[in-house]
């Protein structure tokens, strides 16, 4: 269970950005997923990205080389 606060901690945003990078690997590795799974993954990615977008902190979530 998470602890609710006035703003999201930077460490939580960092974890979320790592999750986004992991989800992006599904496309970059050309892994096969079902249509339903692809929809759910896209939904999860969009929801996680909105958490980062809704916070004031600036983060670089570009994939590493």
PDB file of N, CA and C in Angstrom:
ATOM      1  N   UNK A   1       0.841  -1.169   0.000  1.00  0.00           N
ATOM      2  CA  UNK A   1       0.000   0.000   0.000  1.00  0.00           C
ATOM      3  C   UNK A   1       0.891   1.240   0.000  1.00  0.00           C
ATOM      4  N   UNK A   2       0.552   2.194  -0.842  1.00  0.00           N
ATOM      5  CA  UNK A   2       1.354   3.415  -0.911  1.00  0.00           C
ATOM      6  C   UNK A   2       0.936   4.410   0.161  1.00  0.00           C
ATOM      7  N   UNK A   3       1.845   5.334   0.433  1.00  0.00           N
ATOM      8  CA  UNK A   3       1.583   6.405   1.384  1.00  0.00           C
ATOM      9  C   UNK A   3       1.237   7.646   0.561  1.00  0.00           C
ATOM     10  N   UNK A   4       0.057   8.205   0.784  1.00  0.00           N
ATOM     11  CA  UNK A   4      -0.371   9.359   0.009  1.00  0.00           C
ATOM     12  C   UNK A   4       0.229  10.630   0.579  1.00  0.00           C
ATOM     13  N   UNK A   5       0.616  11.541  -0.311  1.00  0.00           N
ATOM     14  CA  UNK A   5       1.215  12.797   0.114  1.00  0.00           C
ATOM     15  C   UNK A   5       0.785  13.937  -0.778  1.00  0.00           C
ATOM     16  N   UNK A   6       1.323  15.114  -0.517  1.00  0.00           N
ATOM     17  CA  UNK A   6       0.991  16.291  -1.318  1.00  0.00           C
ATOM     18  C   UNK A   6       1.622  16.240  -2.702  1.00  0.00           C
ATOM     19  N   UNK A   7       2.774  15.593  -2.801  1.00  0.00           N
ATOM     20  CA  UNK A   7       3.412  15.430  -4.110  1.00  0.00           C
ATOM     21  C   UNK A   7       4.105  14.073  -4.157  1.00  0.00           C
ATOM     22  N   UNK A   8       4.320  13.596  -5.356  1.00  0.00           N
ATOM     23  CA  UNK A   8       4.949  12.292  -5.552  1.00  0.00           C
ATOM     24  C   UNK A   8       6.458  12.423  -5.401  1.00  0.00           C
ATOM     25  N   UNK A   9       7.051  11.526  -4.626  1.00  0.00           N
ATOM     26  CA  UNK A   9       8.500  11.547  -4.415  1.00  0.00           C
ATOM     27  C   UNK A   9       9.237  11.265  -5.721  1.00  0.00           C
ATOM     28  N   UNK A  10      10.399  11.885  -5.838  1.00  0.00           N
ATOM     29  CA  UNK A  10      11.239  11.687  -7.020  1.00  0.00           C
ATOM     30  C   UNK A  10      11.589  10.213  -7.196  1.00  0.00           C
ATOM     31  N   UNK A  11      11.843   9.522  -6.086  1.00  0.00           N
ATOM     32  CA  UNK A  11      12.207   8.103  -6.167  1.00  0.00           C
ATOM     33  C   UNK A  11      11.074   7.280  -6.784  1.00  0.00           C
ATOM     34  N   UNK A  12       9.824   7.603  -6.465  1.00  0.00           N
ATOM     35  CA  UNK A  12       8.677   6.907  -7.058  1.00  0.00           C
ATOM     36  C   UNK A  12       8.611   7.171  -8.564  1.00  0.00           C
ATOM     37  N   UNK A  13       8.872   8.418  -8.961  1.00  0.00           N
ATOM     38  CA  UNK A  13       8.867   8.755 -10.387  1.00  0.00           C
ATOM     39  C   UNK A  13       9.987   8.031 -11.125  1.00  0.00           C
ATOM     40  N   UNK A  14      11.105   7.860 -10.456  1.00  0.00           N
ATOM     41  CA  UNK A  14      12.229   7.145 -11.060  1.00  0.00           C
ATOM     42  C   UNK A  14      11.867   5.676 -11.305  1.00  0.00           C
ATOM     43  N   UNK A  15      11.177   5.059 -10.356  1.00  0.00           N
ATOM     44  CA  UNK A  15      10.730   3.675 -10.508  1.00  0.00           C
ATOM     45  C   UNK A  15       9.737   3.568 -11.674  1.00  0.00           C
ATOM     46  N   UNK A  16       8.830   4.534 -11.745  1.00  0.00           N
ATOM     47  CA  UNK A  16       7.847   4.537 -12.831  1.00  0.00           C
ATOM     48  C   UNK A  16       8.538   4.676 -14.182  1.00  0.00           C
ATOM     49  N   UNK A  17       9.566   5.524 -14.257  1.00  0.00           N
ATOM     50  CA  UNK A  17      10.287   5.685 -15.530  1.00  0.00           C
ATOM     51  C   UNK A  17      11.004   4.395 -15.929  1.00  0.00           C
ATOM     52  N   UNK A  18      11.504   3.646 -14.943  1.00  0.00           N
ATOM     53  CA  UNK A  18      12.121   2.350 -15.243  1.00  0.00           C
ATOM     54  C   UNK A  18      11.084   1.384 -15.795  1.00  0.00           C
ATOM     55  N   UNK A  19       9.889   1.421 -15.228  1.00  0.00           N
ATOM     56  CA  UNK A  19       8.803   0.567 -15.727  1.00  0.00           C
ATOM     57  C   UNK A  19       8.470   0.903 -17.179  1.00  0.00           C
ATOM     58  N   UNK A  20       8.441   2.197 -17.487  1.00  0.00           N
ATOM     59  CA  UNK A  20       8.160   2.617 -18.858  1.00  0.00           C
ATOM     60  C   UNK A  20       9.224   2.101 -19.825  1.00  0.00           C
ATOM     61  N   UNK A  21      10.471   2.168 -19.407  1.00  0.00           N
ATOM     62  CA  UNK A  21      11.555   1.662 -20.247  1.00  0.00           C
ATOM     63  C   UNK A  21      11.394   0.161 -20.490  1.00  0.00           C
ATOM     64  N   UNK A  22      10.984  -0.577 -19.453  1.00  0.00           N
ATOM     65  CA  UNK A  22      10.782  -2.016 -19.596  1.00  0.00           C
ATOM     66  C   UNK A  22       9.631  -2.307 -20.562  1.00  0.00           C
ATOM     67  N   UNK A  23       8.547  -1.547 -20.466  1.00  0.00           N
ATOM     68  CA  UNK A  23       7.417  -1.744 -21.376  1.00  0.00           C
ATOM     69  C   UNK A  23       7.810  -1.413 -22.813  1.00  0.00           C
ATOM     70  N   UNK A  24       8.659  -0.405 -23.000  1.00  0.00           N
ATOM     71  CA  UNK A  24       9.133  -0.053 -24.338  1.00  0.00           C
ATOM     72  C   UNK A  24       9.961  -1.168 -24.958  1.00  0.00           C
ATOM     73  N   UNK A  25      10.599  -1.981 -24.132  1.00  0.00           N
ATOM     74  CA  UNK A  25      11.412  -3.090 -24.643  1.00  0.00           C
ATOM     75  C   UNK A  25      10.574  -4.124 -25.391  1.00  0.00           C
ATOM     76  N   UNK A  26       9.314  -4.238 -25.039  1.00  0.00           N
ATOM     77  CA  UNK A  26       8.443  -5.196 -25.729  1.00  0.00           C
ATOM     78  C   UNK A  26       8.398  -4.870 -27.219  1.00  0.00           C
ATOM     79  N   UNK A  27       8.264  -3.575 -27.545  1.00  0.00           N
ATOM     80  CA  UNK A  27       8.240  -3.176 -28.954  1.00  0.00           C
ATOM     81  C   UNK A  27       9.610  -3.262 -29.596  1.00  0.00           C
ATOM     82  N   UNK A  28      10.636  -2.817 -28.894  1.00  0.00           N
ATOM     83  CA  UNK A  28      11.971  -2.783 -29.486  1.00  0.00           C
ATOM     84  C   UNK A  28      12.542  -4.180 -29.712  1.00  0.00           C
ATOM     85  N   UNK A  29      12.115  -5.151 -28.920  1.00  0.00           N
ATOM     86  CA  UNK A  29      12.581  -6.533 -29.099  1.00  0.00           C
ATOM     87  C   UNK A  29      11.683  -7.327 -30.038  1.00  0.00           C
ATOM     88  N   UNK A  30      10.633  -6.676 -30.541  1.00  0.00           N
ATOM     89  CA  UNK A  30       9.692  -7.303 -31.470  1.00  0.00           C
ATOM     90  C   UNK A  30       9.098  -8.588 -30.897  1.00  0.00           C
ATOM     91  N   UNK A  31       8.704  -8.518 -29.625  1.00  0.00           N
ATOM     92  CA  UNK A  31       8.089  -9.666 -28.974  1.00  0.00           C
ATOM     93  C   UNK A  31       6.623  -9.755 -29.372  1.00  0.00           C
ATOM     94  N   UNK A  32       6.124 -10.968 -29.531  1.00  0.00           N
ATOM     95  CA  UNK A  32       4.730 -11.161 -29.914  1.00  0.00           C
ATOM     96  C   UNK A  32       3.837 -11.091 -28.687  1.00  0.00           C
ATOM     97  N   UNK A  33       2.743 -10.347 -28.811  1.00  0.00           N
ATOM     98  CA  UNK A  33       1.720 -10.268 -27.775  1.00  0.00           C
ATOM     99  C   UNK A  33       0.355 -10.300 -28.456  1.00  0.00           C
ATOM    100  N   UNK A  34      -0.657 -10.712 -27.724  1.00  0.00           N
ATOM    101  CA  UNK A  34      -2.000 -10.731 -28.283  1.00  0.00           C
ATOM    102  C   UNK A  34      -2.530  -9.311 -28.412  1.00  0.00           C
ATOM    103  N   UNK A  35      -3.612  -9.165 -29.168  1.00  0.00           N
ATOM    104  CA  UNK A  35      -4.230  -7.856 -29.355  1.00  0.00           C
ATOM    105  C   UNK A  35      -4.707  -7.280 -28.020  1.00  0.00           C
ATOM    106  N   UNK A  36      -5.308  -8.126 -27.197  1.00  0.00           N
ATOM    107  CA  UNK A  36      -5.795  -7.684 -25.889  1.00  0.00           C
ATOM    108  C   UNK A  36      -4.630  -7.273 -24.993  1.00  0.00           C
ATOM    109  N   UNK A  37      -3.564  -8.084 -24.985  1.00  0.00           N
ATOM    110  CA  UNK A  37      -2.386  -7.748 -24.176  1.00  0.00           C
ATOM    111  C   UNK A  37      -1.746  -6.444 -24.650  1.00  0.00           C
ATOM    112  N   UNK A  38      -1.705  -6.241 -25.965  1.00  0.00           N
ATOM    113  CA  UNK A  38      -1.135  -5.019 -26.511  1.00  0.00           C
ATOM    114  C   UNK A  38      -1.940  -3.806 -26.045  1.00  0.00           C
ATOM    115  N   UNK A  39      -3.257  -3.939 -26.042  1.00  0.00           N
ATOM    116  CA  UNK A  39      -4.107  -2.856 -25.552  1.00  0.00           C
ATOM    117  C   UNK A  39      -3.838  -2.573 -24.082  1.00  0.00           C
ATOM    118  N   UNK A  40      -3.761  -3.622 -23.272  1.00  0.00           N
ATOM    119  CA  UNK A  40      -3.531  -3.457 -21.831  1.00  0.00           C
ATOM    120  C   UNK A  40      -2.159  -2.849 -21.554  1.00  0.00           C
ATOM    121  N   UNK A  41      -1.149  -3.273 -22.300  1.00  0.00           N
ATOM    122  CA  UNK A  41       0.199  -2.722 -22.140  1.00  0.00           C
ATOM    123  C   UNK A  41       0.210  -1.243 -22.504  1.00  0.00           C
ATOM    124  N   UNK A  42      -0.458  -0.897 -23.604  1.00  0.00           N
ATOM    125  CA  UNK A  42      -0.546   0.508 -24.019  1.00  0.00           C
ATOM    126  C   UNK A  42      -1.277   1.340 -22.973  1.00  0.00           C
ATOM    127  N   UNK A  43      -2.348   0.788 -22.416  1.00  0.00           N
ATOM    128  CA  UNK A  43      -3.096   1.483 -21.373  1.00  0.00           C
ATOM    129  C   UNK A  43      -2.220   1.724 -20.141  1.00  0.00           C
ATOM    130  N   UNK A  44      -1.491   0.686 -19.724  1.00  0.00           N
ATOM    131  CA  UNK A  44      -0.602   0.813 -18.563  1.00  0.00           C
ATOM    132  C   UNK A  44       0.482   1.854 -18.827  1.00  0.00           C
ATOM    133  N   UNK A  45       1.053   1.814 -20.027  1.00  0.00           N
ATOM    134  CA  UNK A  45       2.104   2.762 -20.386  1.00  0.00           C
ATOM    135  C   UNK A  45       1.573   4.192 -20.343  1.00  0.00           C
ATOM    136  N   UNK A  46       0.389   4.401 -20.900  1.00  0.00           N
ATOM    137  CA  UNK A  46      -0.200   5.738 -20.910  1.00  0.00           C
ATOM    138  C   UNK A  46      -0.516   6.228 -19.501  1.00  0.00           C
ATOM    139  N   UNK A  47      -0.986   5.339 -18.650  1.00  0.00           N
ATOM    140  CA  UNK A  47      -1.305   5.726 -17.274  1.00  0.00           C
ATOM    141  C   UNK A  47      -0.035   6.068 -16.497  1.00  0.00           C
ATOM    142  N   UNK A  48       1.015   5.266 -16.667  1.00  0.00           N
ATOM    143  CA  UNK A  48       2.283   5.553 -15.991  1.00  0.00           C
ATOM    144  C   UNK A  48       2.884   6.862 -16.493  1.00  0.00           C
ATOM    145  N   UNK A  49       2.809   7.078 -17.812  1.00  0.00           N
ATOM    146  CA  UNK A  49       3.340   8.312 -18.385  1.00  0.00           C
ATOM    147  C   UNK A  49       2.587   9.522 -17.854  1.00  0.00           C
ATOM    148  N   UNK A  50       1.284   9.390 -17.626  1.00  0.00           N
ATOM    149  CA  UNK A  50       0.514  10.519 -17.110  1.00  0.00           C
ATOM    150  C   UNK A  50       0.931  10.879 -15.687  1.00  0.00           C
ATOM    151  N   UNK A  51       1.381   9.894 -14.904  1.00  0.00           N
ATOM    152  CA  UNK A  51       1.866  10.182 -13.552  1.00  0.00           C
ATOM    153  C   UNK A  51       3.101  11.082 -13.642  1.00  0.00           C
ATOM    154  N   UNK A  52       3.995  10.760 -14.549  1.00  0.00           N
ATOM    155  CA  UNK A  52       5.201  11.572 -14.730  1.00  0.00           C
ATOM    156  C   UNK A  52       4.836  12.947 -15.284  1.00  0.00           C
ATOM    157  N   UNK A  53       3.935  12.979 -16.281  1.00  0.00           N
ATOM    158  CA  UNK A  53       3.546  14.249 -16.898  1.00  0.00           C
ATOM    159  C   UNK A  53       2.850  15.184 -15.916  1.00  0.00           C
ATOM    160  N   UNK A  54       2.191  14.633 -14.930  1.00  0.00           N
ATOM    161  CA  UNK A  54       1.446  15.447 -13.971  1.00  0.00           C
ATOM    162  C   UNK A  54       2.296  15.942 -12.796  1.00  0.00           C
ATOM    163  N   UNK A  55       3.575  15.667 -12.817  1.00  0.00           N
ATOM    164  CA  UNK A  55       4.466  16.109 -11.745  1.00  0.00           C
ATOM    165  C   UNK A  55       5.391  17.196 -12.253  1.00  0.00           C
ATOM    166  N   UNK A  56       5.788  18.063 -11.342  1.00  0.00           N
ATOM    167  CA  UNK A  56       6.587  19.236 -11.687  1.00  0.00           C
ATOM    168  C   UNK A  56       8.026  18.877 -12.020  1.00  0.00           C
ATOM    169  N   UNK A  57       8.539  17.807 -11.405  1.00  0.00           N
ATOM    170  CA  UNK A  57       9.934  17.434 -11.617  1.00  0.00           C
ATOM    171  C   UNK A  57      10.177  17.130 -13.095  1.00  0.00           C
ATOM    172  N   UNK A  58      11.372  17.499 -13.567  1.00  0.00           N
ATOM    173  CA  UNK A  58      11.751  17.221 -14.945  1.00  0.00           C
ATOM    174  C   UNK A  58      12.582  15.944 -14.929  1.00  0.00           C
ATOM    175  N   UNK A  59      12.165  14.989 -15.779  1.00  0.00           N
ATOM    176  CA  UNK A  59      12.870  13.716 -15.845  1.00  0.00           C
ATOM    177  C   UNK A  59      13.163  13.388 -17.301  1.00  0.00           C
ATOM    178  N   UNK A  60      14.296  12.797 -17.543  1.00  0.00           N
ATOM    179  CA  UNK A  60      14.639  12.315 -18.876  1.00  0.00           C
ATOM    180  C   UNK A  60      14.315  10.835 -18.913  1.00  0.00           C
ATOM    181  N   UNK A  61      13.278  10.441 -19.692  1.00  0.00           N
ATOM    182  CA  UNK A  61      12.882   9.038 -19.753  1.00  0.00           C
ATOM    183  C   UNK A  61      13.230   8.434 -21.109  1.00  0.00           C
ATOM    184  N   UNK A  62      14.195   9.051 -21.792  1.00  0.00           N
ATOM    185  CA  UNK A  62      14.599   8.503 -23.083  1.00  0.00           C
ATOM    186  C   UNK A  62      15.316   7.180 -22.876  1.00  0.00           C
ATOM    187  N   UNK A  63      15.137   6.263 -23.822  1.00  0.00           N
ATOM    188  CA  UNK A  63      15.790   4.950 -23.665  1.00  0.00           C
ATOM    189  C   UNK A  63      17.304   5.077 -23.700  1.00  0.00           C
ATOM    190  N   UNK A  64      17.950   4.226 -22.934  1.00  0.00           N
ATOM    191  CA  UNK A  64      19.412   4.260 -22.901  1.00  0.00           C
ATOM    192  C   UNK A  64      19.974   3.557 -24.115  1.00  0.00           C
ATOM    193  N   UNK A  65      21.148   3.974 -24.526  1.00  0.00           N
ATOM    194  CA  UNK A  65      21.752   3.419 -25.738  1.00  0.00           C
ATOM    195  C   UNK A  65      22.416   2.104 -25.462  1.00  0.00           C
TER     196      UNK A  65
END
